[in-house]
Each structure stands twice: as C-alpha cells, then as structure tokens.
Amino acid sequence: MKTDQQLTQDIQAELKWDSAVHADKVQVLVHGGIVTLSGKVASLAELWHVQCAVHRVYGVQSLDNQLVVALPHQHVYQDADLTRVAESVLQWSSHIPPHGIELTVSMGWINLTGEVAFDYQRRAATQALRYLAGVRGVTNQIRLTPKNVAGTVKKDIETALARQSQGVEPAIQVEVIESDVVLTGTVSSWAEHDKALVSVWSTPGVSHITDHIYVL
C-alpha cells in the first residue's frame, strides 16, 4: 500500500506526463488514499483529462474533484450561440438518437434532459459536448427507458463480468431489483472498476446502478 506522500508524488508525476494537462494549475491533496483536487483548468476537456490521469494511478481509492473551469476570454460565448453549436453536435453524432434529448445552456453550463433506451447513448451525449470550447460543465439528467427483459438481467451481467475476469472468479456481486442493479465487492484499480460499470451499463434492461464497488 502506498503512503499518502508516495501517492501524491505519483499523481503529480502522472499529471506532468500527460500533455493534455497543465499540471502546475492543479493542487493535489491525499489523505488515506482519498484524493482531493483543487485549482483551475482552462476547459472541460482538460478537467476530464486530469480526472482520467488520477484514476490511472494505482492506489487511488476515491477522488473528490473540486477543479473549476476558468475559460480564457476567447472561449467565452453567449449561451444562445453555444446552444446552437451544442444542438448541432448532438444531431451529427451517430450514437445519439435524433429525438429524445433536450438541452439548455446557462452561463456556459449545459443541462441535458430527455429519455434514451441505452446508457451508451446517454454517455455519448456528454462525450460529444466535452470538447466544445466555451463549455464550463455538463449535467446529464437523461433518463433511461430500457426494454423489459425481466429475468435475464442478472445472468447477462454476471456472464459479461466473467468474460472479463481472465479465468478468475469475479470479485463483484450483482443484485438486480427490476431494472436497478446493485454492485458490491472489491477491485484492484479504477480501470477495473470502470470496465465493470461499462459492462453493466451495456446490458439491456439496466436503468440504474448503485455502485458499492471498493477500489483497494
């Protein structure tokens, strides 16, 4: 187990290594494996890259991301202009249904609402907007309305997790209540944690996940 000092040094080194991040703008505080980030970044995309970099470091148990997006002057746009561009981006994305998603913009912050059938469509909406200049943040409130496949969700999830376990008994337990899934257990890294969640969300019939997976 890394000490907090070792983990801090590793995170700072990872941030410096990542060319998409201005590491000198990010302050890192670690206590008991819990990482708190503070400071300012120039875009939502950079904030995302910082978060990904931290999750790549072994030993990170949880992350409290308090970074603030401080847009440079040339990337501050009127909400009406940003709305038009964001709507166009969603319309041109092949992973997003042409109907069912609505957006509003307030001071550069985009709020998404509506309904889609699959989580990959919901995630695609956020991903499509993440790299737009002028976006301070995205709140994704899109609801899932999955097809009814009662009785097969738990089995499908467990089968998917087993395919990824390389012959080792999966350390994640699955409980399904209608279309809600509760995950418990332990994994060794955030990469393993995130891969498990993607597999669960990819299962038809899942509308909500309660994540109790612990990263050692």
C-alpha atoms as a PDB file:
ATOM      1  CA  MET A   1       0.000   0.000   0.000  1.00  0.00           C
ATOM      2  CA  LYS A   2       1.385   3.398  -0.968  1.00  0.00           C
ATOM      3  CA  THR A   3       1.777   6.138   1.603  1.00  0.00           C
ATOM      4  CA  ASP A   4      -0.110   9.378   1.018  1.00  0.00           C
ATOM      5  CA  GLN A   5       3.176  11.072   0.147  1.00  0.00           C
ATOM      6  CA  GLN A   6       4.050   8.409  -2.426  1.00  0.00           C
ATOM      7  CA  LEU A   7       0.581   8.611  -3.945  1.00  0.00           C
ATOM      8  CA  THR A   8       0.771  12.416  -4.129  1.00  0.00           C
ATOM      9  CA  GLN A   9       4.117  12.223  -5.919  1.00  0.00           C
ATOM     10  CA  ASP A  10       2.826   9.606  -8.362  1.00  0.00           C
ATOM     11  CA  ILE A  11      -0.279  11.661  -9.178  1.00  0.00           C
ATOM     12  CA  GLN A  12       1.762  14.825  -9.704  1.00  0.00           C
ATOM     13  CA  ALA A  13       4.141  12.903 -11.977  1.00  0.00           C
ATOM     14  CA  GLU A  14       1.227  11.470 -13.964  1.00  0.00           C
ATOM     15  CA  LEU A  15      -0.280  14.933 -14.418  1.00  0.00           C
ATOM     16  CA  LYS A  16       3.071  16.316 -15.621  1.00  0.00           C
ATOM     17  CA  TRP A  17       3.422  13.385 -18.020  1.00  0.00           C
ATOM     18  CA  ASP A  18       0.004  13.966 -19.599  1.00  0.00           C
ATOM     19  CA  SER A  19       0.422  16.590 -22.332  1.00  0.00           C
ATOM     20  CA  ALA A  20      -3.320  17.440 -22.230  1.00  0.00           C
ATOM     21  CA  VAL A  21      -2.943  18.774 -18.684  1.00  0.00           C
ATOM     22  CA  HIS A  22      -1.355  21.922 -17.243  1.00  0.00           C
ATOM     23  CA  ALA A  23      -0.127  20.255 -14.072  1.00  0.00           C
ATOM     24  CA  ASP A  24       1.053  23.466 -12.430  1.00  0.00           C
ATOM     25  CA  LYS A  25      -2.576  24.643 -12.174  1.00  0.00           C
ATOM     26  CA  VAL A  26      -3.729  21.582 -10.230  1.00  0.00           C
ATOM     27  CA  GLN A  27      -3.258  21.124  -6.481  1.00  0.00           C
ATOM     28  CA  VAL A  28      -3.275  17.572  -5.143  1.00  0.00           C
ATOM     29  CA  LEU A  29      -4.133  16.583  -1.576  1.00  0.00           C
ATOM     30  CA  VAL A  30      -4.154  12.930  -0.477  1.00  0.00           C
ATOM     31  CA  HIS A  31      -5.419  11.545   2.796  1.00  0.00           C
ATOM     32  CA  GLY A  32      -5.801   7.812   3.327  1.00  0.00           C
ATOM     33  CA  GLY A  33      -5.868   7.117  -0.401  1.00  0.00           C
ATOM     34  CA  ILE A  34      -8.623   9.686  -0.959  1.00  0.00           C
ATOM     35  CA  VAL A  35      -7.551  12.333  -3.477  1.00  0.00           C
ATOM     36  CA  THR A  36      -8.821  15.909  -3.493  1.00  0.00           C
ATOM     37  CA  LEU A  37      -8.068  18.116  -6.490  1.00  0.00           C
ATOM     38  CA  SER A  38      -8.357  21.902  -6.464  1.00  0.00           C
ATOM     39  CA  GLY A  39      -7.323  24.739  -8.747  1.00  0.00           C
ATOM     40  CA  LYS A  40      -8.385  25.951 -12.183  1.00  0.00           C
ATOM     41  CA  VAL A  41      -8.312  24.440 -15.649  1.00  0.00           C
ATOM     42  CA  ALA A  42      -8.972  26.140 -18.992  1.00  0.00           C
ATOM     43  CA  SER A  43     -11.628  23.767 -20.354  1.00  0.00           C
ATOM     44  CA  LEU A  44     -13.991  20.956 -19.501  1.00  0.00           C
ATOM     45  CA  ALA A  45     -11.858  18.691 -21.668  1.00  0.00           C
ATOM     46  CA  GLU A  46      -8.792  19.416 -19.534  1.00  0.00           C
ATOM     47  CA  LEU A  47     -10.771  18.742 -16.360  1.00  0.00           C
ATOM     48  CA  TRP A  48     -11.720  15.357 -17.830  1.00  0.00           C
ATOM     49  CA  HIS A  49      -8.101  14.545 -18.705  1.00  0.00           C
ATOM     50  CA  VAL A  50      -6.996  15.444 -15.163  1.00  0.00           C
ATOM     51  CA  GLN A  51      -9.580  13.094 -13.710  1.00  0.00           C
ATOM     52  CA  CYS A  52      -8.553  10.282 -16.059  1.00  0.00           C
ATOM     53  CA  ALA A  53      -4.896  10.786 -15.182  1.00  0.00           C
ATOM     54  CA  VAL A  54      -5.592  10.496 -11.460  1.00  0.00           C
ATOM     55  CA  HIS A  55      -7.639   7.327 -11.968  1.00  0.00           C
ATOM     56  CA  ARG A  56      -4.739   5.757 -13.857  1.00  0.00           C
ATOM     57  CA  VAL A  57      -2.519   5.912 -10.761  1.00  0.00           C
ATOM     58  CA  TYR A  58      -2.511   2.746  -8.700  1.00  0.00           C
ATOM     59  CA  GLY A  59      -3.557   3.273  -5.093  1.00  0.00           C
ATOM     60  CA  VAL A  60      -6.244   5.910  -5.643  1.00  0.00           C
ATOM     61  CA  GLN A  61      -9.314   4.813  -3.697  1.00  0.00           C
ATOM     62  CA  SER A  62     -11.623   7.742  -4.416  1.00  0.00           C
ATOM     63  CA  LEU A  63     -11.491  11.189  -5.994  1.00  0.00           C
ATOM     64  CA  ASP A  64     -13.040  14.478  -4.919  1.00  0.00           C
ATOM     65  CA  ASN A  65     -12.654  16.703  -7.963  1.00  0.00           C
ATOM     66  CA  GLN A  66     -13.068  20.346  -6.936  1.00  0.00           C
ATOM     67  CA  LEU A  67     -11.393  21.792 -10.029  1.00  0.00           C
ATOM     68  CA  VAL A  68     -13.039  24.850 -11.564  1.00  0.00           C
ATOM     69  CA  VAL A  69     -13.229  25.523 -15.302  1.00  0.00           C
ATOM     70  CA  ALA A  70     -11.983  29.096 -15.847  1.00  0.00           C
ATOM     71  CA  LEU A  71     -12.468  29.760 -19.551  1.00  0.00           C
ATOM     72  CA  PRO A  72      -9.977  32.008 -21.345  1.00  0.00           C
ATOM     73  CA  HIS A  73     -11.535  35.188 -22.694  1.00  0.00           C
ATOM     74  CA  GLN A  74     -11.526  33.984 -26.304  1.00  0.00           C
ATOM     75  CA  HIS A  75     -13.599  30.925 -25.329  1.00  0.00           C
ATOM     76  CA  VAL A  76     -16.415  32.766 -23.556  1.00  0.00           C
ATOM     77  CA  TYR A  77     -19.521  32.686 -25.736  1.00  0.00           C
ATOM     78  CA  GLN A  78     -23.123  33.751 -25.471  1.00  0.00           C
ATOM     79  CA  ASP A  79     -25.428  30.979 -24.251  1.00  0.00           C
ATOM     80  CA  ALA A  80     -27.550  31.274 -27.394  1.00  0.00           C
ATOM     81  CA  ASP A  81     -24.506  30.663 -29.615  1.00  0.00           C
ATOM     82  CA  LEU A  82     -23.350  27.735 -27.506  1.00  0.00           C
ATOM     83  CA  THR A  83     -26.850  26.262 -27.590  1.00  0.00           C
ATOM     84  CA  ARG A  84     -26.909  26.258 -31.393  1.00  0.00           C
ATOM     85  CA  VAL A  85     -23.485  24.628 -31.639  1.00  0.00           C
ATOM     86  CA  ALA A  86     -24.272  22.013 -28.967  1.00  0.00           C
ATOM     87  CA  GLU A  87     -27.565  21.060 -30.618  1.00  0.00           C
ATOM     88  CA  SER A  88     -25.785  20.660 -33.929  1.00  0.00           C
ATOM     89  CA  VAL A  89     -23.114  18.431 -32.365  1.00  0.00           C
ATOM     90  CA  LEU A  90     -25.754  16.134 -30.869  1.00  0.00           C
ATOM     91  CA  GLN A  91     -27.622  15.947 -34.169  1.00  0.00           C
ATOM     92  CA  TRP A  92     -24.468  14.899 -36.020  1.00  0.00           C
ATOM     93  CA  SER A  93     -23.471  12.193 -33.534  1.00  0.00           C
ATOM     94  CA  SER A  94     -24.191   8.694 -34.825  1.00  0.00           C
ATOM     95  CA  HIS A  95     -24.526   7.279 -31.272  1.00  0.00           C
ATOM     96  CA  ILE A  96     -27.265   9.685 -30.221  1.00  0.00           C
ATOM     97  CA  PRO A  97     -30.910   9.220 -31.290  1.00  0.00           C
ATOM     98  CA  PRO A  98     -32.264  12.116 -33.384  1.00  0.00           C
ATOM     99  CA  HIS A  99     -35.091  12.684 -30.911  1.00  0.00           C
ATOM    100  CA  GLY A 100     -35.436  12.362 -27.158  1.00  0.00           C
ATOM    101  CA  ILE A 101     -32.693  14.660 -25.827  1.00  0.00           C
ATOM    102  CA  GLU A 102     -33.171  18.312 -24.922  1.00  0.00           C
ATOM    103  CA  LEU A 103     -30.543  20.783 -23.749  1.00  0.00           C
ATOM    104  CA  THR A 104     -30.403  24.157 -22.084  1.00  0.00           C
ATOM    105  CA  VAL A 105     -27.374  26.378 -21.509  1.00  0.00           C
ATOM    106  CA  SER A 106     -26.802  28.767 -18.624  1.00  0.00           C
ATOM    107  CA  MET A 107     -23.527  30.703 -18.339  1.00  0.00           C
ATOM    108  CA  GLY A 108     -21.707  28.055 -20.344  1.00  0.00           C
ATOM    109  CA  TRP A 109     -23.114  25.131 -18.358  1.00  0.00           C
ATOM    110  CA  ILE A 110     -25.123  22.612 -20.398  1.00  0.00           C
ATOM    111  CA  ASN A 111     -28.016  20.677 -18.868  1.00  0.00           C
ATOM    112  CA  LEU A 112     -29.248  17.574 -20.701  1.00  0.00           C
ATOM    113  CA  THR A 113     -32.702  16.064 -20.205  1.00  0.00           C
ATOM    114  CA  GLY A 114     -34.893  13.559 -22.009  1.00  0.00           C
ATOM    115  CA  GLU A 115     -35.004   9.801 -22.465  1.00  0.00           C
ATOM    116  CA  VAL A 116     -32.931   7.198 -24.316  1.00  0.00           C
ATOM    117  CA  ALA A 117     -33.004   3.403 -24.356  1.00  0.00           C
ATOM    118  CA  PHE A 118     -29.324   2.676 -23.634  1.00  0.00           C
ATOM    119  CA  ASP A 119     -26.622   4.112 -21.396  1.00  0.00           C
ATOM    120  CA  TYR A 120     -24.076   4.326 -24.229  1.00  0.00           C
ATOM    121  CA  GLN A 121     -26.393   6.880 -25.847  1.00  0.00           C
ATOM    122  CA  ARG A 122     -26.536   8.874 -22.619  1.00  0.00           C
ATOM    123  CA  ARG A 123     -22.746   8.779 -22.248  1.00  0.00           C
ATOM    124  CA  ALA A 124     -22.280   9.705 -25.896  1.00  0.00           C
ATOM    125  CA  ALA A 125     -24.173  12.950 -25.321  1.00  0.00           C
ATOM    126  CA  THR A 126     -21.747  14.061 -22.607  1.00  0.00           C
ATOM    127  CA  GLN A 127     -18.728  12.903 -24.589  1.00  0.00           C
ATOM    128  CA  ALA A 128     -19.855  14.801 -27.687  1.00  0.00           C
ATOM    129  CA  LEU A 129     -20.057  18.071 -25.749  1.00  0.00           C
ATOM    130  CA  ARG A 130     -16.977  17.664 -23.567  1.00  0.00           C
ATOM    131  CA  TYR A 131     -14.523  19.084 -26.113  1.00  0.00           C
ATOM    132  CA  LEU A 132     -16.567  22.092 -27.179  1.00  0.00           C
ATOM    133  CA  ALA A 133     -14.864  25.404 -26.486  1.00  0.00           C
ATOM    134  CA  GLY A 134     -16.907  27.531 -24.112  1.00  0.00           C
ATOM    135  CA  VAL A 135     -18.444  24.678 -22.117  1.00  0.00           C
ATOM    136  CA  ARG A 136     -17.908  25.001 -18.376  1.00  0.00           C
ATOM    137  CA  GLY A 137     -19.682  21.791 -17.462  1.00  0.00           C
ATOM    138  CA  VAL A 138     -22.331  19.262 -18.452  1.00  0.00           C
ATOM    139  CA  THR A 139     -25.109  17.990 -16.193  1.00  0.00           C
ATOM    140  CA  ASN A 140     -26.541  14.808 -17.664  1.00  0.00           C
ATOM    141  CA  GLN A 141     -30.088  14.181 -16.424  1.00  0.00           C
ATOM    142  CA  ILE A 142     -31.118  11.991 -19.348  1.00  0.00           C
ATOM    143  CA  ARG A 143     -33.286   9.114 -18.138  1.00  0.00           C
ATOM    144  CA  LEU A 144     -33.057   5.516 -19.321  1.00  0.00           C
ATOM    145  CA  THR A 145     -36.170   3.733 -20.509  1.00  0.00           C
ATOM    146  CA  PRO A 146     -34.804   0.215 -21.090  1.00  0.00           C
ATOM    147  CA  LYS A 147     -36.697  -2.556 -22.804  1.00  0.00           C
ATOM    148  CA  ASN A 148     -38.297  -5.025 -20.429  1.00  0.00           C
ATOM    149  CA  VAL A 149     -36.107  -8.139 -20.258  1.00  0.00           C
ATOM    150  CA  ALA A 150     -37.111  -9.246 -16.780  1.00  0.00           C
ATOM    151  CA  GLY A 151     -35.390 -12.375 -15.521  1.00  0.00           C
ATOM    152  CA  THR A 152     -32.289 -12.156 -17.722  1.00  0.00           C
ATOM    153  CA  VAL A 153     -30.504  -9.022 -16.475  1.00  0.00           C
ATOM    154  CA  LYS A 154     -28.636 -10.622 -13.550  1.00  0.00           C
ATOM    155  CA  LYS A 155     -27.478 -13.585 -15.610  1.00  0.00           C
ATOM    156  CA  ASP A 156     -26.396 -11.369 -18.516  1.00  0.00           C
ATOM    157  CA  ILE A 157     -24.370  -9.108 -16.197  1.00  0.00           C
ATOM    158  CA  GLU A 158     -22.650 -11.989 -14.416  1.00  0.00           C
ATOM    159  CA  THR A 159     -21.820 -13.611 -17.754  1.00  0.00           C
ATOM    160  CA  ALA A 160     -20.341 -10.352 -19.067  1.00  0.00           C
ATOM    161  CA  LEU A 161     -18.205  -9.859 -15.941  1.00  0.00           C
ATOM    162  CA  ALA A 162     -16.996 -13.463 -16.132  1.00  0.00           C
ATOM    163  CA  ARG A 163     -15.844 -12.956 -19.722  1.00  0.00           C
ATOM    164  CA  GLN A 164     -13.534 -10.181 -18.500  1.00  0.00           C
ATOM    165  CA  SER A 165     -12.153 -11.949 -15.430  1.00  0.00           C
ATOM    166  CA  GLN A 166      -9.434 -13.964 -17.238  1.00  0.00           C
ATOM    167  CA  GLY A 167     -10.480 -17.206 -15.576  1.00  0.00           C
ATOM    168  CA  VAL A 168     -10.501 -15.693 -12.082  1.00  0.00           C
ATOM    169  CA  GLU A 169     -13.736 -15.742 -10.107  1.00  0.00           C
ATOM    170  CA  PRO A 170     -15.226 -12.234 -10.417  1.00  0.00           C
ATOM    171  CA  ALA A 171     -14.950 -10.239  -7.181  1.00  0.00           C
ATOM    172  CA  ILE A 172     -18.125  -8.274  -7.897  1.00  0.00           C
ATOM    173  CA  GLN A 173     -21.507  -9.405  -6.610  1.00  0.00           C
ATOM    174  CA  VAL A 174     -24.634  -8.499  -8.533  1.00  0.00           C
ATOM    175  CA  GLU A 175     -28.130  -7.924  -7.191  1.00  0.00           C
ATOM    176  CA  VAL A 176     -30.969  -6.928  -9.511  1.00  0.00           C
ATOM    177  CA  ILE A 177     -34.268  -5.409  -8.432  1.00  0.00           C
ATOM    178  CA  GLU A 178     -36.391  -4.957 -11.575  1.00  0.00           C
ATOM    179  CA  SER A 179     -34.155  -2.670 -13.700  1.00  0.00           C
ATOM    180  CA  ASP A 180     -31.995  -1.430 -10.787  1.00  0.00           C
ATOM    181  CA  VAL A 181     -28.603  -3.085 -10.254  1.00  0.00           C
ATOM    182  CA  VAL A 182     -26.616  -3.098  -7.004  1.00  0.00           C
ATOM    183  CA  LEU A 183     -22.895  -3.891  -7.296  1.00  0.00           C
ATOM    184  CA  THR A 184     -20.710  -4.821  -4.322  1.00  0.00           C
ATOM    185  CA  GLY A 185     -17.190  -6.186  -3.947  1.00  0.00           C
ATOM    186  CA  THR A 186     -13.586  -5.093  -4.408  1.00  0.00           C
ATOM    187  CA  VAL A 187     -11.319  -4.442  -7.376  1.00  0.00           C
ATOM    188  CA  SER A 188      -7.642  -3.547  -7.608  1.00  0.00           C
ATOM    189  CA  SER A 189      -7.827  -0.418  -9.766  1.00  0.00           C
ATOM    190  CA  TRP A 190     -10.111   2.282 -11.118  1.00  0.00           C
ATOM    191  CA  ALA A 191      -9.614   0.864 -14.603  1.00  0.00           C
ATOM    192  CA  GLU A 192     -11.100  -2.436 -13.442  1.00  0.00           C
ATOM    193  CA  HIS A 193     -13.902  -0.584 -11.659  1.00  0.00           C
ATOM    194  CA  ASP A 194     -14.796   1.492 -14.712  1.00  0.00           C
ATOM    195  CA  LYS A 195     -14.652  -1.514 -17.035  1.00  0.00           C
ATOM    196  CA  ALA A 196     -17.128  -3.344 -14.816  1.00  0.00           C
ATOM    197  CA  LEU A 197     -19.531  -0.403 -14.828  1.00  0.00           C
ATOM    198  CA  VAL A 198     -19.385  -0.116 -18.623  1.00  0.00           C
ATOM    199  CA  SER A 199     -20.229  -3.815 -18.893  1.00  0.00           C
ATOM    200  CA  VAL A 200     -23.192  -3.462 -16.569  1.00  0.00           C
ATOM    201  CA  TRP A 201     -24.496  -0.349 -18.304  1.00  0.00           C
ATOM    202  CA  SER A 202     -24.171  -2.133 -21.650  1.00  0.00           C
ATOM    203  CA  THR A 203     -26.578  -4.825 -20.501  1.00  0.00           C
ATOM    204  CA  PRO A 204     -30.093  -4.335 -21.924  1.00  0.00           C
ATOM    205  CA  GLY A 205     -32.661  -3.700 -19.218  1.00  0.00           C
ATOM    206  CA  VAL A 206     -30.465  -1.703 -16.804  1.00  0.00           C
ATOM    207  CA  SER A 207     -31.802   1.723 -15.841  1.00  0.00           C
ATOM    208  CA  HIS A 208     -29.883   2.462 -12.630  1.00  0.00           C
ATOM    209  CA  ILE A 209     -26.718   1.278 -10.866  1.00  0.00           C
ATOM    210  CA  THR A 210     -25.920   1.536  -7.178  1.00  0.00           C
ATOM    211  CA  ASP A 211     -22.139   1.330  -7.044  1.00  0.00           C
ATOM    212  CA  HIS A 212     -20.707  -0.167  -3.858  1.00  0.00           C
ATOM    213  CA  ILE A 213     -17.518  -1.454  -5.506  1.00  0.00           C
ATOM    214  CA  TYR A 214     -14.470  -0.649  -3.399  1.00  0.00           C
ATOM    215  CA  VAL A 215     -11.082   0.079  -5.010  1.00  0.00           C
ATOM    216  CA  LEU A 216      -8.278  -1.399  -2.915  1.00  0.00           C
END
